[in-house]
Amino acid sequence: MRPDPLPVQVQRTHQMSTAPDEDVAEALKRGEVMDITTIGRKSGEPRRIELVYHNVDGHILISGHPGRPRSWLANLAANPRFTFHLKRSVQADLTATARVITDTAERERFLKPISAGWRIDHALMVGSAPLVEVAFD
């Protein structure tokens, strides 16, 4: 039996729907390229960037390669409200809230399949890769 579609708010060509959207729910089951729009922590201006999301055990996560600081992550830490833009298999703008994941045990669990898929050392990912959990409104 197929699980119920995720309840998300979807905006398509200026129409807003709060009903579950099967296409969006299906797209969120797998990771793909998308954009997010955050609010700049210093400027207060919208900032849009292309990223990749992942679905790990039903959790929608945004991560990136380890190493350098990320403006998008700092923006979400300052203001966790953002827009999640699906743009490949489905086009939809989803309002969401971010939770920056800092707990080591959570990071180890969630980053294991991501680091394996990207062929990046897991310990390096846990130590310095950005990791955010997405909650849709």
N, C-alpha and C. Protein backbone atom coordinates (compact mmCIF):
# COMPACT_ATOMS: atom_id res chain seq x y z
N MET A 1 0.84 -1.18 0.00
CA MET A 1 0.00 0.00 0.00
C MET A 1 0.88 1.24 0.00
N ARG A 2 0.53 2.21 -0.81
CA ARG A 2 1.30 3.45 -0.93
C ARG A 2 0.98 4.38 0.23
N PRO A 3 1.99 4.99 0.85
CA PRO A 3 1.70 5.93 1.94
C PRO A 3 0.99 7.18 1.40
N ASP A 4 0.27 7.85 2.30
CA ASP A 4 -0.42 9.08 1.92
C ASP A 4 0.59 10.11 1.47
N PRO A 5 0.23 10.94 0.47
CA PRO A 5 1.14 12.01 0.04
C PRO A 5 1.44 12.95 1.20
N LEU A 6 2.62 13.54 1.16
CA LEU A 6 3.01 14.50 2.19
C LEU A 6 2.11 15.73 2.12
N PRO A 7 1.62 16.22 3.26
CA PRO A 7 0.81 17.44 3.22
C PRO A 7 1.73 18.64 3.06
N VAL A 8 1.66 19.27 1.91
CA VAL A 8 2.50 20.42 1.63
C VAL A 8 1.67 21.51 0.98
N GLN A 9 2.12 22.71 1.12
CA GLN A 9 1.47 23.83 0.47
C GLN A 9 2.19 24.05 -0.85
N VAL A 10 1.46 24.04 -1.92
CA VAL A 10 2.05 24.09 -3.25
C VAL A 10 1.55 25.31 -3.99
N GLN A 11 2.47 26.04 -4.58
CA GLN A 11 2.11 27.19 -5.40
C GLN A 11 2.52 26.90 -6.83
N ARG A 12 1.55 26.93 -7.72
CA ARG A 12 1.80 26.73 -9.14
C ARG A 12 1.04 27.78 -9.90
N THR A 13 1.73 28.52 -10.68
CA THR A 13 1.15 29.60 -11.49
C THR A 13 0.10 30.39 -10.71
N HIS A 14 0.50 30.89 -9.59
CA HIS A 14 -0.29 31.79 -8.75
C HIS A 14 -1.50 31.15 -8.08
N GLN A 15 -1.59 29.83 -8.09
CA GLN A 15 -2.68 29.16 -7.39
C GLN A 15 -2.09 28.47 -6.18
N MET A 16 -2.70 28.66 -5.01
CA MET A 16 -2.20 28.07 -3.79
C MET A 16 -3.14 26.95 -3.38
N SER A 17 -2.58 25.82 -3.03
CA SER A 17 -3.38 24.68 -2.59
C SER A 17 -2.77 24.14 -1.32
N THR A 18 -3.60 23.82 -0.34
CA THR A 18 -3.10 23.20 0.88
C THR A 18 -3.37 21.70 0.87
N ALA A 19 -3.99 21.20 -0.21
CA ALA A 19 -4.25 19.77 -0.33
C ALA A 19 -2.96 19.05 -0.65
N PRO A 20 -2.85 17.78 -0.22
CA PRO A 20 -1.66 17.01 -0.60
C PRO A 20 -1.55 16.94 -2.11
N ASP A 21 -0.36 17.02 -2.62
CA ASP A 21 -0.12 16.97 -4.05
C ASP A 21 0.73 15.73 -4.32
N GLU A 22 0.15 14.77 -5.02
CA GLU A 22 0.84 13.50 -5.24
C GLU A 22 2.13 13.65 -6.02
N ASP A 23 2.17 14.57 -6.98
CA ASP A 23 3.39 14.77 -7.76
C ASP A 23 4.52 15.29 -6.87
N VAL A 24 4.19 16.23 -6.00
CA VAL A 24 5.19 16.78 -5.07
C VAL A 24 5.64 15.71 -4.10
N ALA A 25 4.68 14.98 -3.54
CA ALA A 25 5.02 13.91 -2.60
C ALA A 25 5.93 12.88 -3.26
N GLU A 26 5.65 12.54 -4.50
CA GLU A 26 6.47 11.57 -5.22
C GLU A 26 7.88 12.13 -5.45
N ALA A 27 7.97 13.40 -5.83
CA ALA A 27 9.28 14.03 -6.05
C ALA A 27 10.10 14.07 -4.76
N LEU A 28 9.44 14.28 -3.63
CA LEU A 28 10.16 14.39 -2.37
C LEU A 28 10.66 13.04 -1.86
N LYS A 29 10.20 11.96 -2.46
CA LYS A 29 10.66 10.64 -2.03
C LYS A 29 12.10 10.37 -2.45
N ARG A 30 12.58 11.13 -3.43
CA ARG A 30 13.94 10.94 -3.92
C ARG A 30 14.64 12.31 -3.89
N GLY A 31 15.90 12.33 -3.82
CA GLY A 31 16.62 13.59 -3.85
C GLY A 31 16.81 14.08 -5.26
N GLU A 32 16.89 15.38 -5.39
CA GLU A 32 17.20 15.98 -6.68
C GLU A 32 17.63 17.42 -6.47
N VAL A 33 18.04 18.04 -7.54
CA VAL A 33 18.45 19.44 -7.49
C VAL A 33 17.21 20.31 -7.26
N MET A 34 17.36 21.31 -6.44
CA MET A 34 16.30 22.28 -6.19
C MET A 34 16.95 23.60 -5.79
N ASP A 35 16.15 24.62 -5.60
CA ASP A 35 16.63 25.91 -5.09
C ASP A 35 15.99 26.16 -3.74
N ILE A 36 16.64 26.99 -2.96
CA ILE A 36 15.99 27.55 -1.77
C ILE A 36 16.14 29.06 -1.83
N THR A 37 15.15 29.73 -1.26
CA THR A 37 15.25 31.18 -1.08
C THR A 37 15.22 31.44 0.42
N THR A 38 16.30 32.03 0.90
CA THR A 38 16.41 32.41 2.30
C THR A 38 16.34 33.93 2.38
N ILE A 39 16.30 34.43 3.60
CA ILE A 39 16.39 35.88 3.84
C ILE A 39 17.79 36.14 4.37
N GLY A 40 18.51 37.03 3.71
CA GLY A 40 19.88 37.36 4.12
C GLY A 40 19.92 37.84 5.56
N ARG A 41 20.78 37.25 6.35
CA ARG A 41 20.85 37.59 7.78
C ARG A 41 21.32 39.02 8.02
N LYS A 42 22.10 39.56 7.11
CA LYS A 42 22.58 40.94 7.24
C LYS A 42 21.76 41.90 6.40
N SER A 43 21.47 41.52 5.17
CA SER A 43 20.80 42.43 4.23
C SER A 43 19.28 42.44 4.39
N GLY A 44 18.72 41.32 4.85
CA GLY A 44 17.27 41.20 4.90
C GLY A 44 16.64 40.96 3.53
N GLU A 45 17.48 40.78 2.51
CA GLU A 45 17.01 40.58 1.14
C GLU A 45 16.89 39.09 0.83
N PRO A 46 15.97 38.72 -0.06
CA PRO A 46 15.86 37.31 -0.47
C PRO A 46 17.14 36.86 -1.20
N ARG A 47 17.57 35.64 -0.90
CA ARG A 47 18.76 35.05 -1.51
C ARG A 47 18.40 33.66 -2.01
N ARG A 48 18.55 33.43 -3.30
CA ARG A 48 18.21 32.14 -3.90
C ARG A 48 19.48 31.42 -4.34
N ILE A 49 19.54 30.10 -4.06
CA ILE A 49 20.70 29.30 -4.40
C ILE A 49 20.25 27.89 -4.78
N GLU A 50 20.99 27.29 -5.70
CA GLU A 50 20.71 25.91 -6.12
C GLU A 50 21.45 24.95 -5.19
N LEU A 51 20.72 23.93 -4.71
CA LEU A 51 21.28 22.91 -3.82
C LEU A 51 20.70 21.56 -4.21
N VAL A 52 20.99 20.56 -3.41
CA VAL A 52 20.43 19.22 -3.60
C VAL A 52 19.79 18.81 -2.29
N TYR A 53 18.61 18.18 -2.39
CA TYR A 53 17.99 17.64 -1.18
C TYR A 53 18.02 16.12 -1.24
N HIS A 54 17.85 15.51 -0.08
CA HIS A 54 17.88 14.06 0.07
C HIS A 54 16.69 13.64 0.92
N ASN A 55 16.19 12.46 0.69
CA ASN A 55 15.18 11.86 1.56
C ASN A 55 15.86 10.68 2.24
N VAL A 56 16.07 10.82 3.54
CA VAL A 56 16.70 9.76 4.33
C VAL A 56 15.68 9.30 5.35
N ASP A 57 15.17 8.11 5.16
CA ASP A 57 14.17 7.53 6.07
C ASP A 57 12.98 8.45 6.28
N GLY A 58 12.54 9.11 5.21
CA GLY A 58 11.38 9.99 5.29
C GLY A 58 11.68 11.41 5.74
N HIS A 59 12.93 11.69 6.06
CA HIS A 59 13.35 13.04 6.46
C HIS A 59 13.90 13.76 5.23
N ILE A 60 13.39 14.95 4.95
CA ILE A 60 13.90 15.75 3.85
C ILE A 60 15.06 16.56 4.38
N LEU A 61 16.23 16.37 3.77
CA LEU A 61 17.46 16.98 4.25
C LEU A 61 18.14 17.75 3.14
N ILE A 62 18.80 18.83 3.50
CA ILE A 62 19.65 19.58 2.59
C ILE A 62 21.06 19.49 3.16
N SER A 63 21.99 19.12 2.31
CA SER A 63 23.38 19.04 2.74
C SER A 63 24.26 19.60 1.64
N GLY A 64 25.53 19.55 1.87
CA GLY A 64 26.50 20.02 0.88
C GLY A 64 27.84 19.41 1.19
N HIS A 65 28.80 19.68 0.34
CA HIS A 65 30.14 19.16 0.55
C HIS A 65 30.76 19.80 1.79
N PRO A 66 31.60 19.07 2.49
CA PRO A 66 32.22 19.61 3.70
C PRO A 66 33.26 20.69 3.39
N GLY A 67 33.58 21.44 4.41
CA GLY A 67 34.69 22.38 4.26
C GLY A 67 34.39 23.80 4.63
N ARG A 68 33.94 24.56 3.68
CA ARG A 68 33.85 26.01 3.87
C ARG A 68 32.49 26.43 4.45
N PRO A 69 32.44 27.61 5.08
CA PRO A 69 31.17 28.13 5.58
C PRO A 69 30.21 28.43 4.43
N ARG A 70 28.93 28.36 4.69
CA ARG A 70 27.91 28.59 3.68
C ARG A 70 27.00 29.74 4.11
N SER A 71 26.81 30.70 3.25
CA SER A 71 25.90 31.82 3.55
C SER A 71 24.48 31.33 3.74
N TRP A 72 24.05 30.37 2.90
CA TRP A 72 22.68 29.89 3.01
C TRP A 72 22.43 29.25 4.37
N LEU A 73 23.43 28.56 4.91
CA LEU A 73 23.29 27.92 6.21
C LEU A 73 23.23 28.98 7.32
N ALA A 74 24.06 30.00 7.22
CA ALA A 74 24.03 31.09 8.20
C ALA A 74 22.70 31.83 8.13
N ASN A 75 22.18 32.01 6.92
CA ASN A 75 20.87 32.67 6.77
C ASN A 75 19.77 31.85 7.44
N LEU A 76 19.79 30.52 7.24
CA LEU A 76 18.77 29.66 7.86
C LEU A 76 18.92 29.60 9.38
N ALA A 77 20.14 29.66 9.86
CA ALA A 77 20.35 29.68 11.32
C ALA A 77 19.76 30.95 11.92
N ALA A 78 19.87 32.07 11.20
CA ALA A 78 19.34 33.35 11.68
C ALA A 78 17.83 33.45 11.51
N ASN A 79 17.32 32.90 10.41
CA ASN A 79 15.88 32.94 10.12
C ASN A 79 15.52 31.63 9.42
N PRO A 80 14.94 30.67 10.15
CA PRO A 80 14.72 29.34 9.58
C PRO A 80 13.59 29.24 8.56
N ARG A 81 12.81 30.28 8.36
CA ARG A 81 11.74 30.25 7.37
C ARG A 81 12.35 30.44 5.97
N PHE A 82 11.92 29.62 5.01
CA PHE A 82 12.46 29.74 3.65
C PHE A 82 11.49 29.14 2.65
N THR A 83 11.81 29.29 1.37
CA THR A 83 11.02 28.68 0.30
C THR A 83 11.88 27.62 -0.36
N PHE A 84 11.30 26.44 -0.53
CA PHE A 84 11.92 25.26 -1.13
C PHE A 84 11.35 25.15 -2.53
N HIS A 85 12.17 25.35 -3.55
CA HIS A 85 11.71 25.38 -4.93
C HIS A 85 12.05 24.08 -5.65
N LEU A 86 11.06 23.24 -5.88
CA LEU A 86 11.25 22.08 -6.74
C LEU A 86 11.29 22.58 -8.17
N LYS A 87 12.21 22.05 -8.99
CA LYS A 87 12.33 22.62 -10.33
C LYS A 87 12.68 21.59 -11.40
N ARG A 88 12.75 20.34 -11.06
CA ARG A 88 13.11 19.32 -12.05
C ARG A 88 11.89 18.50 -12.44
N SER A 89 11.63 17.41 -11.74
CA SER A 89 10.52 16.53 -12.12
C SER A 89 9.17 17.19 -11.87
N VAL A 90 9.12 18.09 -10.93
CA VAL A 90 7.91 18.86 -10.58
C VAL A 90 8.36 20.29 -10.30
N GLN A 91 7.55 21.25 -10.70
CA GLN A 91 7.83 22.64 -10.37
C GLN A 91 6.84 23.06 -9.29
N ALA A 92 7.37 23.44 -8.13
CA ALA A 92 6.53 23.86 -7.02
C ALA A 92 7.37 24.69 -6.05
N ASP A 93 6.74 25.68 -5.42
CA ASP A 93 7.38 26.50 -4.39
C ASP A 93 6.71 26.15 -3.07
N LEU A 94 7.49 25.61 -2.14
CA LEU A 94 6.97 25.11 -0.88
C LEU A 94 7.49 25.94 0.28
N THR A 95 6.61 26.45 1.11
CA THR A 95 7.06 27.17 2.29
C THR A 95 7.50 26.15 3.34
N ALA A 96 8.59 26.48 4.02
CA ALA A 96 9.19 25.51 4.93
C ALA A 96 9.94 26.19 6.06
N THR A 97 10.31 25.38 7.03
CA THR A 97 11.14 25.81 8.15
C THR A 97 12.32 24.86 8.24
N ALA A 98 13.49 25.41 8.46
CA ALA A 98 14.72 24.63 8.54
C ALA A 98 15.11 24.40 9.99
N ARG A 99 15.70 23.23 10.22
CA ARG A 99 16.33 22.93 11.51
C ARG A 99 17.76 22.51 11.21
N VAL A 100 18.70 23.35 11.60
CA VAL A 100 20.11 23.03 11.40
C VAL A 100 20.47 21.91 12.37
N ILE A 101 21.01 20.83 11.83
CA ILE A 101 21.32 19.65 12.65
C ILE A 101 22.77 19.73 13.11
N THR A 102 22.94 19.82 14.42
CA THR A 102 24.28 19.89 15.02
C THR A 102 24.60 18.69 15.89
N ASP A 103 23.60 17.94 16.31
CA ASP A 103 23.80 16.77 17.16
C ASP A 103 24.61 15.71 16.40
N THR A 104 25.71 15.28 16.99
CA THR A 104 26.62 14.35 16.32
C THR A 104 25.95 13.04 15.94
N ALA A 105 25.15 12.47 16.83
CA ALA A 105 24.50 11.19 16.53
C ALA A 105 23.54 11.33 15.35
N GLU A 106 22.78 12.42 15.31
CA GLU A 106 21.88 12.67 14.17
C GLU A 106 22.67 12.87 12.89
N ARG A 107 23.74 13.63 12.98
CA ARG A 107 24.56 13.88 11.80
C ARG A 107 25.15 12.57 11.26
N GLU A 108 25.64 11.72 12.16
CA GLU A 108 26.19 10.44 11.73
C GLU A 108 25.14 9.60 11.01
N ARG A 109 23.94 9.54 11.57
CA ARG A 109 22.87 8.74 10.99
C ARG A 109 22.43 9.28 9.63
N PHE A 110 22.12 10.58 9.57
CA PHE A 110 21.59 11.16 8.35
C PHE A 110 22.64 11.28 7.24
N LEU A 111 23.88 11.54 7.61
CA LEU A 111 24.91 11.74 6.59
C LEU A 111 25.51 10.44 6.05
N LYS A 112 25.23 9.31 6.70
CA LYS A 112 25.80 8.04 6.23
C LYS A 112 25.41 7.75 4.77
N PRO A 113 24.13 7.74 4.41
CA PRO A 113 23.80 7.45 3.00
C PRO A 113 24.22 8.57 2.04
N ILE A 114 24.24 9.80 2.52
CA ILE A 114 24.64 10.93 1.67
C ILE A 114 26.13 10.84 1.35
N SER A 115 26.95 10.62 2.38
CA SER A 115 28.40 10.52 2.14
C SER A 115 28.73 9.30 1.28
N ALA A 116 28.01 8.20 1.46
CA ALA A 116 28.24 7.01 0.64
C ALA A 116 27.89 7.30 -0.82
N GLY A 117 26.76 7.96 -1.05
CA GLY A 117 26.35 8.28 -2.41
C GLY A 117 27.30 9.24 -3.10
N TRP A 118 27.85 10.16 -2.35
CA TRP A 118 28.78 11.13 -2.91
C TRP A 118 30.22 10.65 -2.88
N ARG A 119 30.47 9.51 -2.23
CA ARG A 119 31.81 8.95 -2.08
C ARG A 119 32.76 9.92 -1.40
N ILE A 120 32.25 10.48 -0.30
CA ILE A 120 33.04 11.40 0.53
C ILE A 120 33.17 10.75 1.90
N ASP A 121 34.33 10.88 2.50
CA ASP A 121 34.58 10.30 3.82
C ASP A 121 33.48 10.70 4.80
N HIS A 122 32.88 9.70 5.43
CA HIS A 122 31.77 9.93 6.35
C HIS A 122 32.17 10.81 7.53
N ALA A 123 33.31 10.55 8.11
CA ALA A 123 33.76 11.35 9.26
C ALA A 123 33.96 12.81 8.87
N LEU A 124 34.47 13.03 7.68
CA LEU A 124 34.64 14.40 7.19
C LEU A 124 33.29 15.09 7.03
N MET A 125 32.32 14.37 6.47
CA MET A 125 30.97 14.93 6.32
C MET A 125 30.37 15.27 7.69
N VAL A 126 30.47 14.34 8.63
CA VAL A 126 29.91 14.56 9.96
C VAL A 126 30.56 15.76 10.62
N GLY A 127 31.86 15.92 10.41
CA GLY A 127 32.61 17.00 11.05
C GLY A 127 32.36 18.37 10.47
N SER A 128 32.06 18.47 9.16
CA SER A 128 32.01 19.83 8.60
C SER A 128 31.00 20.08 7.48
N ALA A 129 30.21 19.10 7.09
CA ALA A 129 29.23 19.35 6.02
C ALA A 129 27.99 20.04 6.59
N PRO A 130 27.40 20.95 5.84
CA PRO A 130 26.13 21.54 6.30
C PRO A 130 25.05 20.47 6.28
N LEU A 131 24.12 20.54 7.23
CA LEU A 131 23.02 19.58 7.28
C LEU A 131 21.80 20.25 7.90
N VAL A 132 20.71 20.25 7.15
CA VAL A 132 19.47 20.91 7.57
C VAL A 132 18.31 19.95 7.32
N GLU A 133 17.42 19.84 8.28
CA GLU A 133 16.17 19.10 8.10
C GLU A 133 15.09 20.10 7.72
N VAL A 134 14.26 19.72 6.76
CA VAL A 134 13.20 20.58 6.24
C VAL A 134 11.86 20.13 6.79
N ALA A 135 11.08 21.08 7.31
CA ALA A 135 9.69 20.82 7.72
C ALA A 135 8.81 21.72 6.88
N PHE A 136 7.91 21.11 6.10
CA PHE A 136 7.02 21.89 5.25
C PHE A 136 5.80 22.37 6.03
N ASP A 137 5.34 23.56 5.67
CA ASP A 137 4.16 24.13 6.35
C ASP A 137 2.91 23.43 5.90
